[in-house]
């Protein structure tokens, strides 16, 4: 397996991976397409196996008001054929060691049992607008104690509002 930063030549394969990994939902692929189309700052990597994109991880900016306060880990995906083989864990560990990420505050909305293995802890501040009671909202290197609602890039809302392709339903 080879890990590298995402380039424009990976984009179509990343979108296909996200559709395969999140069957029945185009949200993740649409989100990343919108972030790319609008040239939003992203830190993103792919894992390749025989030149096929088998895993993807992205970090987009997190906001406190208009100020950047860290990065959101989202989305992260592994193609179904490579589930339960440690590919996602290896990719995430690699990303967390990268200079641009390794000292920044990180947030993730996900399975606490999974992300705790990487040092993420339950987060009480800031508040996640997508998770009632912050039950699945975790952070890494978060030293904030003030209460505020963390912001996401506008594309997170835009992608959720777009209708799914004809004949498919969102989950």
C-alpha atoms as a PDB file:
ATOM      1  CA  UNK A   1       0.000   0.000   0.000  1.00  0.00           C
ATOM      2  CA  UNK A   2       1.223   3.470  -0.902  1.00  0.00           C
ATOM      3  CA  UNK A   3      -0.084   6.696   0.687  1.00  0.00           C
ATOM      4  CA  UNK A   4       0.095  10.048  -1.064  1.00  0.00           C
ATOM      5  CA  UNK A   5      -1.471  13.485  -1.060  1.00  0.00           C
ATOM      6  CA  UNK A   6      -4.504  13.848  -3.275  1.00  0.00           C
ATOM      7  CA  UNK A   7      -3.945  15.496  -6.645  1.00  0.00           C
ATOM      8  CA  UNK A   8      -6.467  16.459  -9.319  1.00  0.00           C
ATOM      9  CA  UNK A   9      -5.770  13.164 -11.076  1.00  0.00           C
ATOM     10  CA  UNK A  10      -7.162  11.312  -8.022  1.00  0.00           C
ATOM     11  CA  UNK A  11     -10.441  13.263  -7.824  1.00  0.00           C
ATOM     12  CA  UNK A  12     -12.672  11.008  -9.957  1.00  0.00           C
ATOM     13  CA  UNK A  13     -11.360   7.907  -8.187  1.00  0.00           C
ATOM     14  CA  UNK A  14     -11.915   9.509  -4.768  1.00  0.00           C
ATOM     15  CA  UNK A  15     -15.539  10.340  -5.655  1.00  0.00           C
ATOM     16  CA  UNK A  16     -16.089   6.762  -6.880  1.00  0.00           C
ATOM     17  CA  UNK A  17     -14.575   5.393  -3.661  1.00  0.00           C
ATOM     18  CA  UNK A  18     -16.841   7.586  -1.528  1.00  0.00           C
ATOM     19  CA  UNK A  19     -19.929   6.394  -3.414  1.00  0.00           C
ATOM     20  CA  UNK A  20     -18.865   2.753  -2.989  1.00  0.00           C
ATOM     21  CA  UNK A  21     -17.980   3.153   0.688  1.00  0.00           C
ATOM     22  CA  UNK A  22     -21.183   5.037   1.558  1.00  0.00           C
ATOM     23  CA  UNK A  23     -23.640   2.971  -0.484  1.00  0.00           C
ATOM     24  CA  UNK A  24     -26.993   4.661  -0.875  1.00  0.00           C
ATOM     25  CA  UNK A  25     -25.589   8.118  -0.108  1.00  0.00           C
ATOM     26  CA  UNK A  26     -24.028  10.647  -2.439  1.00  0.00           C
ATOM     27  CA  UNK A  27     -23.512  13.146   0.374  1.00  0.00           C
ATOM     28  CA  UNK A  28     -19.817  12.420   0.994  1.00  0.00           C
ATOM     29  CA  UNK A  29     -18.838  12.390  -2.685  1.00  0.00           C
ATOM     30  CA  UNK A  30     -20.878  15.541  -3.356  1.00  0.00           C
ATOM     31  CA  UNK A  31     -19.314  17.242  -0.340  1.00  0.00           C
ATOM     32  CA  UNK A  32     -15.762  16.545  -1.520  1.00  0.00           C
ATOM     33  CA  UNK A  33     -16.638  17.538  -5.103  1.00  0.00           C
ATOM     34  CA  UNK A  34     -17.996  20.869  -3.837  1.00  0.00           C
ATOM     35  CA  UNK A  35     -14.955  21.461  -1.621  1.00  0.00           C
ATOM     36  CA  UNK A  36     -12.691  20.801  -4.617  1.00  0.00           C
ATOM     37  CA  UNK A  37     -14.803  22.905  -6.997  1.00  0.00           C
ATOM     38  CA  UNK A  38     -14.758  25.851  -4.582  1.00  0.00           C
ATOM     39  CA  UNK A  39     -11.011  25.432  -3.927  1.00  0.00           C
ATOM     40  CA  UNK A  40     -11.518  25.166  -0.168  1.00  0.00           C
ATOM     41  CA  UNK A  41      -8.367  24.384   1.813  1.00  0.00           C
ATOM     42  CA  UNK A  42      -8.192  20.653   2.442  1.00  0.00           C
ATOM     43  CA  UNK A  43      -5.594  18.295   3.760  1.00  0.00           C
ATOM     44  CA  UNK A  44      -6.298  14.987   2.054  1.00  0.00           C
ATOM     45  CA  UNK A  45      -4.566  11.705   1.365  1.00  0.00           C
ATOM     46  CA  UNK A  46      -5.316   8.472  -0.459  1.00  0.00           C
ATOM     47  CA  UNK A  47      -4.086   4.938   0.042  1.00  0.00           C
ATOM     48  CA  UNK A  48      -3.302   3.151  -3.213  1.00  0.00           C
ATOM     49  CA  UNK A  49      -3.077  -0.566  -3.891  1.00  0.00           C
ATOM     50  CA  UNK A  50      -1.998  -1.574  -7.399  1.00  0.00           C
ATOM     51  CA  UNK A  51      -2.715   2.032  -8.431  1.00  0.00           C
ATOM     52  CA  UNK A  52      -6.327   1.761  -7.214  1.00  0.00           C
ATOM     53  CA  UNK A  53      -7.609   4.244  -4.598  1.00  0.00           C
ATOM     54  CA  UNK A  54      -8.648   2.022  -1.694  1.00  0.00           C
ATOM     55  CA  UNK A  55      -8.936   4.594   1.105  1.00  0.00           C
ATOM     56  CA  UNK A  56      -9.331   8.333   1.534  1.00  0.00           C
ATOM     57  CA  UNK A  57      -9.141  10.810   4.405  1.00  0.00           C
ATOM     58  CA  UNK A  58      -9.741  14.556   4.376  1.00  0.00           C
ATOM     59  CA  UNK A  59      -9.509  17.390   6.848  1.00  0.00           C
ATOM     60  CA  UNK A  60     -11.409  20.642   6.270  1.00  0.00           C
ATOM     61  CA  UNK A  61     -11.276  23.844   8.269  1.00  0.00           C
ATOM     62  CA  UNK A  62     -13.147  24.218  11.566  1.00  0.00           C
ATOM     63  CA  UNK A  63     -14.301  27.680  12.626  1.00  0.00           C
ATOM     64  CA  UNK A  64     -15.019  29.691  15.746  1.00  0.00           C
ATOM     65  CA  UNK A  65     -17.053  32.472  14.203  1.00  0.00           C
ATOM     66  CA  UNK A  66     -14.972  33.571  11.206  1.00  0.00           C
ATOM     67  CA  UNK A  67     -11.662  32.442  12.692  1.00  0.00           C
ATOM     68  CA  UNK A  68     -10.160  29.049  11.879  1.00  0.00           C
ATOM     69  CA  UNK A  69      -9.868  27.017  15.104  1.00  0.00           C
ATOM     70  CA  UNK A  70      -8.672  23.656  13.770  1.00  0.00           C
ATOM     71  CA  UNK A  71      -9.594  20.939  11.285  1.00  0.00           C
ATOM     72  CA  UNK A  72     -12.576  18.597  10.882  1.00  0.00           C
ATOM     73  CA  UNK A  73     -11.710  15.018   9.969  1.00  0.00           C
ATOM     74  CA  UNK A  74     -14.330  14.200   7.326  1.00  0.00           C
ATOM     75  CA  UNK A  75     -14.867  12.209   5.320  1.00  0.00           C
ATOM     76  CA  UNK A  76     -12.808   9.093   5.796  1.00  0.00           C
ATOM     77  CA  UNK A  77     -13.570   5.974   3.787  1.00  0.00           C
ATOM     78  CA  UNK A  78     -12.207   2.588   2.782  1.00  0.00           C
ATOM     79  CA  UNK A  79     -13.439   0.686  -0.241  1.00  0.00           C
ATOM     80  CA  UNK A  80     -15.610  -2.261   0.909  1.00  0.00           C
ATOM     81  CA  UNK A  81     -13.176  -4.927  -0.385  1.00  0.00           C
ATOM     82  CA  UNK A  82     -10.532  -3.630   2.027  1.00  0.00           C
ATOM     83  CA  UNK A  83     -12.658  -3.289   5.171  1.00  0.00           C
ATOM     84  CA  UNK A  84     -11.347  -4.873   8.384  1.00  0.00           C
ATOM     85  CA  UNK A  85      -7.763  -5.020   7.087  1.00  0.00           C
ATOM     86  CA  UNK A  86      -6.320  -2.017   8.943  1.00  0.00           C
ATOM     87  CA  UNK A  87      -6.170   0.177   5.846  1.00  0.00           C
ATOM     88  CA  UNK A  88      -8.207   3.018   7.350  1.00  0.00           C
ATOM     89  CA  UNK A  89      -6.238   2.923  10.590  1.00  0.00           C
ATOM     90  CA  UNK A  90      -2.920   3.024   8.732  1.00  0.00           C
ATOM     91  CA  UNK A  91      -4.082   5.933   6.575  1.00  0.00           C
ATOM     92  CA  UNK A  92      -5.358   7.887   9.578  1.00  0.00           C
ATOM     93  CA  UNK A  93      -2.151   7.293  11.566  1.00  0.00           C
ATOM     94  CA  UNK A  94      -0.166   8.528   8.570  1.00  0.00           C
ATOM     95  CA  UNK A  95      -2.330  11.671   8.270  1.00  0.00           C
ATOM     96  CA  UNK A  96      -2.034  12.427  11.988  1.00  0.00           C
ATOM     97  CA  UNK A  97       1.782  12.415  11.696  1.00  0.00           C
ATOM     98  CA  UNK A  98       1.867  14.975   8.877  1.00  0.00           C
ATOM     99  CA  UNK A  99       3.374  18.373   9.696  1.00  0.00           C
ATOM    100  CA  UNK A 100       0.271  20.320   8.663  1.00  0.00           C
ATOM    101  CA  UNK A 101      -1.937  18.216  10.989  1.00  0.00           C
ATOM    102  CA  UNK A 102       0.204  16.936  13.860  1.00  0.00           C
ATOM    103  CA  UNK A 103       0.006  19.984  16.126  1.00  0.00           C
ATOM    104  CA  UNK A 104      -3.451  21.275  15.160  1.00  0.00           C
ATOM    105  CA  UNK A 105      -6.751  20.921  17.009  1.00  0.00           C
ATOM    106  CA  UNK A 106      -8.804  18.233  15.290  1.00  0.00           C
ATOM    107  CA  UNK A 107     -12.505  17.443  15.502  1.00  0.00           C
ATOM    108  CA  UNK A 108     -14.380  14.384  14.297  1.00  0.00           C
ATOM    109  CA  UNK A 109     -18.013  13.355  14.323  1.00  0.00           C
ATOM    110  CA  UNK A 110     -17.885   9.577  14.396  1.00  0.00           C
ATOM    111  CA  UNK A 111     -17.754   6.337  16.356  1.00  0.00           C
ATOM    112  CA  UNK A 112     -16.113   7.121  19.712  1.00  0.00           C
ATOM    113  CA  UNK A 113     -14.733   3.598  20.167  1.00  0.00           C
ATOM    114  CA  UNK A 114     -12.911   3.827  16.830  1.00  0.00           C
ATOM    115  CA  UNK A 115     -11.488   7.344  17.105  1.00  0.00           C
ATOM    116  CA  UNK A 116     -10.402   7.009  20.750  1.00  0.00           C
ATOM    117  CA  UNK A 117      -7.751   4.539  19.522  1.00  0.00           C
ATOM    118  CA  UNK A 118      -6.063   7.506  17.822  1.00  0.00           C
ATOM    119  CA  UNK A 119      -6.151   9.810  20.832  1.00  0.00           C
ATOM    120  CA  UNK A 120      -9.459  11.572  20.192  1.00  0.00           C
ATOM    121  CA  UNK A 121     -11.466  12.318  23.338  1.00  0.00           C
ATOM    122  CA  UNK A 122     -15.097  13.264  23.980  1.00  0.00           C
ATOM    123  CA  UNK A 123     -15.597  16.946  23.322  1.00  0.00           C
ATOM    124  CA  UNK A 124     -17.804  19.162  25.486  1.00  0.00           C
ATOM    125  CA  UNK A 125     -16.630  22.457  23.973  1.00  0.00           C
ATOM    126  CA  UNK A 126     -17.162  23.466  21.286  1.00  0.00           C
ATOM    127  CA  UNK A 127     -20.625  22.194  20.446  1.00  0.00           C
ATOM    128  CA  UNK A 128     -21.189  20.302  17.213  1.00  0.00           C
ATOM    129  CA  UNK A 129     -24.252  21.518  15.295  1.00  0.00           C
ATOM    130  CA  UNK A 130     -24.779  18.016  13.841  1.00  0.00           C
ATOM    131  CA  UNK A 131     -24.699  15.994  17.086  1.00  0.00           C
ATOM    132  CA  UNK A 132     -27.184  16.498  19.876  1.00  0.00           C
ATOM    133  CA  UNK A 133     -25.330  16.416  23.212  1.00  0.00           C
ATOM    134  CA  UNK A 134     -21.958  15.923  21.419  1.00  0.00           C
ATOM    135  CA  UNK A 135     -22.345  12.161  22.002  1.00  0.00           C
ATOM    136  CA  UNK A 136     -20.275  11.313  18.888  1.00  0.00           C
ATOM    137  CA  UNK A 137     -18.215  14.497  18.648  1.00  0.00           C
ATOM    138  CA  UNK A 138     -14.573  14.059  19.614  1.00  0.00           C
ATOM    139  CA  UNK A 139     -11.443  16.159  19.510  1.00  0.00           C
ATOM    140  CA  UNK A 140      -7.685  15.867  19.639  1.00  0.00           C
ATOM    141  CA  UNK A 141      -5.447  18.598  21.089  1.00  0.00           C
ATOM    142  CA  UNK A 142      -8.491  20.710  21.971  1.00  0.00           C
ATOM    143  CA  UNK A 143      -7.776  23.174  24.755  1.00  0.00           C
ATOM    144  CA  UNK A 144     -10.961  25.198  24.408  1.00  0.00           C
ATOM    145  CA  UNK A 145     -13.251  25.569  27.381  1.00  0.00           C
ATOM    146  CA  UNK A 146     -15.497  28.355  26.098  1.00  0.00           C
ATOM    147  CA  UNK A 147     -18.848  27.305  24.707  1.00  0.00           C
ATOM    148  CA  UNK A 148     -19.500  28.020  21.031  1.00  0.00           C
ATOM    149  CA  UNK A 149     -20.908  26.138  18.085  1.00  0.00           C
ATOM    150  CA  UNK A 150     -18.084  24.975  15.852  1.00  0.00           C
ATOM    151  CA  UNK A 151     -18.451  25.972  12.230  1.00  0.00           C
ATOM    152  CA  UNK A 152     -17.975  23.901   9.098  1.00  0.00           C
ATOM    153  CA  UNK A 153     -17.294  24.934   5.513  1.00  0.00           C
ATOM    154  CA  UNK A 154     -20.560  25.992   3.812  1.00  0.00           C
ATOM    155  CA  UNK A 155     -20.300  22.980   1.482  1.00  0.00           C
ATOM    156  CA  UNK A 156     -21.320  20.659   4.336  1.00  0.00           C
ATOM    157  CA  UNK A 157     -24.790  22.243   4.312  1.00  0.00           C
ATOM    158  CA  UNK A 158     -24.943  22.678   0.534  1.00  0.00           C
ATOM    159  CA  UNK A 159     -24.191  18.993  -0.075  1.00  0.00           C
ATOM    160  CA  UNK A 160     -26.961  17.997   2.350  1.00  0.00           C
ATOM    161  CA  UNK A 161     -29.508  20.177   0.532  1.00  0.00           C
ATOM    162  CA  UNK A 162     -28.865  18.848  -2.964  1.00  0.00           C
ATOM    163  CA  UNK A 163     -31.331  16.231  -4.143  1.00  0.00           C
ATOM    164  CA  UNK A 164     -29.931  12.736  -4.609  1.00  0.00           C
ATOM    165  CA  UNK A 165     -29.466  11.511  -8.180  1.00  0.00           C
ATOM    166  CA  UNK A 166     -32.652  10.215  -9.748  1.00  0.00           C
ATOM    167  CA  UNK A 167     -33.496   6.694  -8.659  1.00  0.00           C
ATOM    168  CA  UNK A 168     -31.306   6.748  -5.531  1.00  0.00           C
ATOM    169  CA  UNK A 169     -32.201   7.608  -1.979  1.00  0.00           C
ATOM    170  CA  UNK A 170     -30.013   9.090   0.695  1.00  0.00           C
ATOM    171  CA  UNK A 171     -29.625   7.057   3.823  1.00  0.00           C
END
